[in-house]
Structure formats: structure tokens, C-alpha cells
Amino acid sequence: SDSSLLPNIKLGYDIRDTCLAESVALDESVDLIILSNEESCSDQQNGSSSVPVSAVIGAAASFVSVPVASFLRLFKTPQISYSSTSVLLSNRDRYGYFFRTVPSADHH
């Protein structure tokens, strides 16, 4: 635990499973983005608040990442995939908030 790395910043996470299904991934994305930006009355009374999502990691499969990337773009939320290689996702005009840690399929 190095206090000089990201001082005064707390990192959190929320793990979701897409079940390798586009519909599940979109449902989870909506829940993650929309509900994290809402604050209930009970949250205000308890002194806690929701923290907006800063980024999404995943999905693993390109066919799941494509619709999720389209949705997250509406909220200017970055998506980082560790294994989506579809060339479609290289289109910066359509998927400007999508990033990956592996090369696209046209570089394999």
C-alpha cells in the first residue's frame, strides 16, 4: 500500500458477468451506468452517495463488446477490453471510447 501512488483517491469495482450474451451485457451496462448515477433518498440520509462509473473493463468477446461500446459511447465512458479483437472496434468514429490491450484481428 503506497500512499504516494494516487494520493487521496479511492478505487472501487463492481464485477458483472455478461454470460457471453449481448442482451445480458447491455442489461448489466444499463444497470451499471444509469443506476450508479442515481442517488436515493436513503443514500442521502445515510451520508453515502453513488459514485459514477469512470470506466468499464471487458467484455472478453468482440460480439459482446460491440453493443456495449455503442451504449457506453452515449455516456462518454471508456471501455477497455483485454481480448476483443474485432476490426470493427478499430473504427474511432463509432467506438471512440473503446480501447483494448491486445491488437485487432487484422494484426494477427
N, C-alpha and C. Protein backbone atom coordinates (compact mmCIF):
# COMPACT_ATOMS: atom_id res chain seq x y z
N SER A 1 0.84 -1.18 0.00
CA SER A 1 0.00 0.00 0.00
C SER A 1 0.89 1.25 0.00
N ASP A 2 1.05 1.85 -1.15
CA ASP A 2 1.88 3.04 -1.31
C ASP A 2 0.99 4.27 -1.34
N SER A 3 1.04 5.09 -0.28
CA SER A 3 0.16 6.25 -0.18
C SER A 3 0.55 7.38 -1.14
N SER A 4 1.73 7.30 -1.75
CA SER A 4 2.12 8.34 -2.71
C SER A 4 1.56 8.05 -4.11
N LEU A 5 1.11 6.83 -4.32
CA LEU A 5 0.50 6.45 -5.59
C LEU A 5 -0.99 6.73 -5.50
N LEU A 6 -1.49 7.65 -6.31
CA LEU A 6 -2.89 8.07 -6.29
C LEU A 6 -3.32 8.58 -4.91
N PRO A 7 -2.64 9.61 -4.40
CA PRO A 7 -3.00 10.13 -3.08
C PRO A 7 -4.42 10.69 -3.05
N ASN A 8 -5.12 10.42 -1.96
CA ASN A 8 -6.50 10.89 -1.72
C ASN A 8 -7.51 10.37 -2.73
N ILE A 9 -7.19 9.27 -3.39
CA ILE A 9 -8.11 8.66 -4.35
C ILE A 9 -8.41 7.24 -3.91
N LYS A 10 -9.70 6.91 -3.89
CA LYS A 10 -10.13 5.56 -3.57
C LYS A 10 -10.59 4.87 -4.84
N LEU A 11 -10.13 3.67 -5.05
CA LEU A 11 -10.55 2.88 -6.20
C LEU A 11 -11.60 1.87 -5.76
N GLY A 12 -12.58 1.67 -6.60
CA GLY A 12 -13.60 0.69 -6.32
C GLY A 12 -13.87 -0.15 -7.56
N TYR A 13 -14.68 -1.16 -7.41
CA TYR A 13 -15.02 -2.00 -8.54
C TYR A 13 -16.39 -2.62 -8.33
N ASP A 14 -16.98 -3.03 -9.42
CA ASP A 14 -18.27 -3.70 -9.41
C ASP A 14 -18.17 -4.77 -10.48
N ILE A 15 -18.17 -6.02 -10.10
CA ILE A 15 -17.96 -7.12 -11.05
C ILE A 15 -19.31 -7.59 -11.58
N ARG A 16 -19.42 -7.66 -12.89
CA ARG A 16 -20.63 -8.15 -13.56
C ARG A 16 -20.25 -9.27 -14.52
N ASP A 17 -21.18 -10.16 -14.81
CA ASP A 17 -20.95 -11.26 -15.75
C ASP A 17 -21.87 -11.07 -16.95
N THR A 18 -21.30 -11.03 -18.14
CA THR A 18 -22.10 -10.88 -19.35
C THR A 18 -22.69 -12.21 -19.81
N CYS A 19 -22.20 -13.32 -19.28
CA CYS A 19 -22.65 -14.66 -19.68
C CYS A 19 -22.48 -14.88 -21.18
N LEU A 20 -21.55 -14.15 -21.78
CA LEU A 20 -21.32 -14.20 -23.23
C LEU A 20 -22.59 -13.96 -24.03
N ALA A 21 -23.42 -13.07 -23.54
CA ALA A 21 -24.68 -12.74 -24.21
C ALA A 21 -24.81 -11.23 -24.35
N GLU A 22 -25.11 -10.78 -25.56
CA GLU A 22 -25.26 -9.35 -25.81
C GLU A 22 -26.34 -8.73 -24.93
N SER A 23 -27.48 -9.40 -24.81
CA SER A 23 -28.61 -8.85 -24.05
C SER A 23 -28.25 -8.71 -22.56
N VAL A 24 -27.57 -9.70 -22.02
CA VAL A 24 -27.16 -9.64 -20.61
C VAL A 24 -26.15 -8.51 -20.43
N ALA A 25 -25.20 -8.41 -21.36
CA ALA A 25 -24.18 -7.36 -21.27
C ALA A 25 -24.81 -5.97 -21.30
N LEU A 26 -25.78 -5.78 -22.17
CA LEU A 26 -26.45 -4.47 -22.24
C LEU A 26 -27.28 -4.20 -20.99
N ASP A 27 -27.97 -5.20 -20.48
CA ASP A 27 -28.72 -5.04 -19.23
C ASP A 27 -27.79 -4.64 -18.09
N GLU A 28 -26.67 -5.32 -17.99
CA GLU A 28 -25.71 -5.02 -16.93
C GLU A 28 -25.09 -3.63 -17.13
N SER A 29 -24.85 -3.25 -18.37
CA SER A 29 -24.29 -1.92 -18.67
C SER A 29 -25.26 -0.81 -18.29
N VAL A 30 -26.52 -1.01 -18.62
CA VAL A 30 -27.54 -0.02 -18.26
C VAL A 30 -27.60 0.11 -16.74
N ASP A 31 -27.66 -1.02 -16.07
CA ASP A 31 -27.72 -1.02 -14.62
C ASP A 31 -26.49 -0.32 -14.03
N LEU A 32 -25.34 -0.63 -14.54
CA LEU A 32 -24.09 -0.06 -14.03
C LEU A 32 -24.02 1.45 -14.24
N ILE A 33 -24.34 1.91 -15.43
CA ILE A 33 -24.21 3.33 -15.76
C ILE A 33 -25.37 4.16 -15.21
N ILE A 34 -26.58 3.75 -15.49
CA ILE A 34 -27.75 4.54 -15.10
C ILE A 34 -27.93 4.55 -13.58
N LEU A 35 -27.91 3.39 -12.97
CA LEU A 35 -28.16 3.32 -11.54
C LEU A 35 -27.02 3.89 -10.72
N SER A 36 -25.80 3.86 -11.23
CA SER A 36 -24.68 4.43 -10.46
C SER A 36 -24.75 5.95 -10.44
N ASN A 37 -25.50 6.54 -11.37
CA ASN A 37 -25.63 7.99 -11.42
C ASN A 37 -26.85 8.50 -10.65
N GLU A 38 -27.65 7.57 -10.13
CA GLU A 38 -28.82 7.95 -9.35
C GLU A 38 -28.48 7.88 -7.86
N GLU A 39 -29.06 8.75 -7.11
CA GLU A 39 -28.83 8.76 -5.66
C GLU A 39 -30.19 8.72 -4.99
N SER A 40 -30.39 7.75 -4.14
CA SER A 40 -31.68 7.62 -3.48
C SER A 40 -31.74 8.48 -2.23
N CYS A 41 -32.96 8.71 -1.74
CA CYS A 41 -33.14 9.49 -0.51
C CYS A 41 -32.45 8.82 0.67
N SER A 42 -32.51 7.48 0.73
CA SER A 42 -31.88 6.78 1.84
C SER A 42 -30.36 6.95 1.80
N ASP A 43 -29.77 7.03 0.61
CA ASP A 43 -28.34 7.26 0.49
C ASP A 43 -27.98 8.62 1.06
N GLN A 44 -28.80 9.63 0.76
CA GLN A 44 -28.52 10.98 1.24
C GLN A 44 -28.64 11.05 2.76
N GLN A 45 -29.62 10.34 3.32
CA GLN A 45 -29.82 10.36 4.77
C GLN A 45 -28.67 9.63 5.48
N ASN A 46 -28.15 8.60 4.87
CA ASN A 46 -27.05 7.84 5.48
C ASN A 46 -25.69 8.48 5.24
N GLY A 47 -25.66 9.54 4.45
CA GLY A 47 -24.40 10.22 4.17
C GLY A 47 -23.56 9.53 3.11
N SER A 48 -24.09 8.53 2.45
CA SER A 48 -23.35 7.87 1.37
C SER A 48 -23.91 8.35 0.04
N SER A 49 -23.15 8.15 -0.98
CA SER A 49 -23.62 8.53 -2.31
C SER A 49 -23.05 7.60 -3.35
N SER A 50 -23.72 7.51 -4.46
CA SER A 50 -23.22 6.70 -5.56
C SER A 50 -22.06 7.43 -6.22
N VAL A 51 -21.15 6.65 -6.73
CA VAL A 51 -20.01 7.22 -7.45
C VAL A 51 -20.17 6.84 -8.91
N PRO A 52 -20.15 7.82 -9.80
CA PRO A 52 -20.29 7.50 -11.23
C PRO A 52 -19.18 6.57 -11.71
N VAL A 53 -19.52 5.73 -12.66
CA VAL A 53 -18.56 4.80 -13.24
C VAL A 53 -17.55 5.58 -14.08
N SER A 54 -16.27 5.34 -13.84
CA SER A 54 -15.21 6.03 -14.59
C SER A 54 -14.83 5.28 -15.84
N ALA A 55 -14.91 3.95 -15.81
CA ALA A 55 -14.53 3.12 -16.96
C ALA A 55 -15.08 1.72 -16.76
N VAL A 56 -15.15 0.98 -17.86
CA VAL A 56 -15.61 -0.41 -17.84
C VAL A 56 -14.50 -1.27 -18.43
N ILE A 57 -14.20 -2.37 -17.77
CA ILE A 57 -13.21 -3.32 -18.28
C ILE A 57 -13.97 -4.54 -18.79
N GLY A 58 -13.74 -4.89 -20.06
CA GLY A 58 -14.43 -6.01 -20.69
C GLY A 58 -15.26 -5.47 -21.84
N ALA A 59 -15.89 -6.23 -22.54
CA ALA A 59 -16.08 -7.66 -22.39
C ALA A 59 -14.93 -8.42 -23.06
N ALA A 60 -14.94 -9.72 -22.83
CA ALA A 60 -13.91 -10.55 -23.41
C ALA A 60 -14.16 -10.79 -24.90
N ALA A 61 -15.41 -11.02 -25.27
CA ALA A 61 -15.74 -11.36 -26.65
C ALA A 61 -16.13 -10.12 -27.45
N SER A 62 -15.64 -10.04 -28.66
CA SER A 62 -15.91 -8.88 -29.51
C SER A 62 -17.40 -8.69 -29.76
N PHE A 63 -18.13 -9.78 -29.99
CA PHE A 63 -19.56 -9.64 -30.31
C PHE A 63 -20.34 -9.08 -29.12
N VAL A 64 -19.79 -9.17 -27.93
CA VAL A 64 -20.40 -8.57 -26.75
C VAL A 64 -19.90 -7.13 -26.58
N SER A 65 -18.63 -6.90 -26.87
CA SER A 65 -18.05 -5.57 -26.71
C SER A 65 -18.66 -4.55 -27.67
N VAL A 66 -19.04 -4.97 -28.87
CA VAL A 66 -19.56 -4.03 -29.87
C VAL A 66 -20.82 -3.30 -29.37
N PRO A 67 -21.88 -3.99 -28.94
CA PRO A 67 -23.05 -3.24 -28.47
C PRO A 67 -22.79 -2.48 -27.17
N VAL A 68 -21.96 -3.04 -26.31
CA VAL A 68 -21.64 -2.34 -25.06
C VAL A 68 -20.88 -1.05 -25.37
N ALA A 69 -19.94 -1.12 -26.30
CA ALA A 69 -19.18 0.08 -26.68
C ALA A 69 -20.10 1.15 -27.27
N SER A 70 -21.06 0.73 -28.05
CA SER A 70 -22.03 1.69 -28.61
C SER A 70 -22.83 2.36 -27.51
N PHE A 71 -23.24 1.60 -26.52
CA PHE A 71 -24.00 2.15 -25.40
C PHE A 71 -23.13 3.08 -24.55
N LEU A 72 -21.95 2.63 -24.18
CA LEU A 72 -21.08 3.42 -23.30
C LEU A 72 -20.66 4.73 -23.96
N ARG A 73 -20.59 4.74 -25.28
CA ARG A 73 -20.23 5.96 -26.02
C ARG A 73 -21.22 7.08 -25.71
N LEU A 74 -22.48 6.75 -25.52
CA LEU A 74 -23.50 7.75 -25.21
C LEU A 74 -23.20 8.50 -23.91
N PHE A 75 -22.48 7.85 -23.01
CA PHE A 75 -22.16 8.43 -21.71
C PHE A 75 -20.69 8.83 -21.61
N LYS A 76 -20.00 8.76 -22.74
CA LYS A 76 -18.57 9.09 -22.80
C LYS A 76 -17.78 8.31 -21.76
N THR A 77 -18.14 7.03 -21.62
CA THR A 77 -17.49 6.16 -20.65
C THR A 77 -16.52 5.23 -21.37
N PRO A 78 -15.25 5.28 -21.03
CA PRO A 78 -14.27 4.40 -21.69
C PRO A 78 -14.53 2.93 -21.37
N GLN A 79 -14.27 2.11 -22.36
CA GLN A 79 -14.35 0.66 -22.22
C GLN A 79 -12.99 0.11 -22.63
N ILE A 80 -12.43 -0.77 -21.81
CA ILE A 80 -11.14 -1.36 -22.10
C ILE A 80 -11.32 -2.87 -22.12
N SER A 81 -11.05 -3.47 -23.27
CA SER A 81 -11.19 -4.92 -23.39
C SER A 81 -9.81 -5.56 -23.42
N TYR A 82 -9.73 -6.70 -22.78
CA TYR A 82 -8.48 -7.45 -22.71
C TYR A 82 -8.40 -8.55 -23.75
N SER A 83 -9.48 -8.76 -24.52
CA SER A 83 -9.40 -9.80 -25.54
C SER A 83 -10.31 -9.62 -26.75
N SER A 84 -11.02 -8.51 -26.86
CA SER A 84 -11.85 -8.26 -28.05
C SER A 84 -10.94 -7.82 -29.19
N THR A 85 -10.94 -8.59 -30.27
CA THR A 85 -10.02 -8.32 -31.38
C THR A 85 -10.69 -7.90 -32.68
N SER A 86 -12.01 -7.76 -32.68
CA SER A 86 -12.72 -7.42 -33.91
C SER A 86 -12.20 -6.12 -34.53
N VAL A 87 -12.02 -6.16 -35.84
CA VAL A 87 -11.58 -4.99 -36.59
C VAL A 87 -12.63 -3.88 -36.51
N LEU A 88 -13.90 -4.25 -36.39
CA LEU A 88 -14.97 -3.25 -36.26
C LEU A 88 -14.69 -2.25 -35.15
N LEU A 89 -14.14 -2.74 -34.06
CA LEU A 89 -13.89 -1.89 -32.90
C LEU A 89 -12.75 -0.91 -33.10
N SER A 90 -12.06 -1.00 -34.23
CA SER A 90 -10.98 -0.06 -34.56
C SER A 90 -11.52 1.24 -35.14
N ASN A 91 -12.80 1.27 -35.48
CA ASN A 91 -13.42 2.46 -36.05
C ASN A 91 -13.58 3.51 -34.95
N ARG A 92 -12.69 4.49 -34.94
CA ARG A 92 -12.67 5.50 -33.88
C ARG A 92 -13.89 6.43 -33.94
N ASP A 93 -14.51 6.58 -35.11
CA ASP A 93 -15.72 7.40 -35.20
C ASP A 93 -16.89 6.75 -34.47
N ARG A 94 -17.01 5.44 -34.59
CA ARG A 94 -18.12 4.72 -33.95
C ARG A 94 -17.80 4.27 -32.53
N TYR A 95 -16.54 3.95 -32.28
CA TYR A 95 -16.14 3.37 -30.99
C TYR A 95 -15.00 4.17 -30.38
N GLY A 96 -15.19 5.46 -30.30
CA GLY A 96 -14.15 6.37 -29.81
C GLY A 96 -13.79 6.21 -28.35
N TYR A 97 -14.63 5.53 -27.59
CA TYR A 97 -14.34 5.32 -26.17
C TYR A 97 -13.95 3.87 -25.89
N PHE A 98 -13.73 3.11 -26.96
CA PHE A 98 -13.31 1.71 -26.81
C PHE A 98 -11.79 1.61 -26.97
N PHE A 99 -11.18 0.88 -26.05
CA PHE A 99 -9.74 0.64 -26.10
C PHE A 99 -9.50 -0.83 -25.82
N ARG A 100 -8.36 -1.33 -26.25
CA ARG A 100 -8.04 -2.73 -26.00
C ARG A 100 -6.56 -2.89 -25.64
N THR A 101 -6.28 -4.00 -24.99
CA THR A 101 -4.90 -4.29 -24.60
C THR A 101 -4.26 -5.33 -25.50
N VAL A 102 -5.00 -5.77 -26.50
CA VAL A 102 -4.49 -6.73 -27.48
C VAL A 102 -4.68 -6.12 -28.87
N PRO A 103 -3.87 -6.54 -29.84
CA PRO A 103 -4.04 -5.99 -31.19
C PRO A 103 -5.33 -6.51 -31.82
N SER A 104 -5.83 -5.75 -32.80
CA SER A 104 -7.02 -6.18 -33.52
C SER A 104 -6.68 -7.37 -34.40
N ALA A 105 -7.70 -8.05 -34.87
CA ALA A 105 -7.52 -9.27 -35.65
C ALA A 105 -6.73 -9.04 -36.94
N ASP A 106 -6.76 -7.84 -37.48
CA ASP A 106 -6.01 -7.59 -38.72
C ASP A 106 -4.51 -7.51 -38.47
N HIS A 107 -4.07 -7.55 -37.22
CA HIS A 107 -2.65 -7.54 -36.89
C HIS A 107 -2.14 -8.90 -36.41
N HIS A 108 -2.98 -9.93 -36.51
CA HIS A 108 -2.58 -11.28 -36.08
C HIS A 108 -1.98 -12.04 -37.22
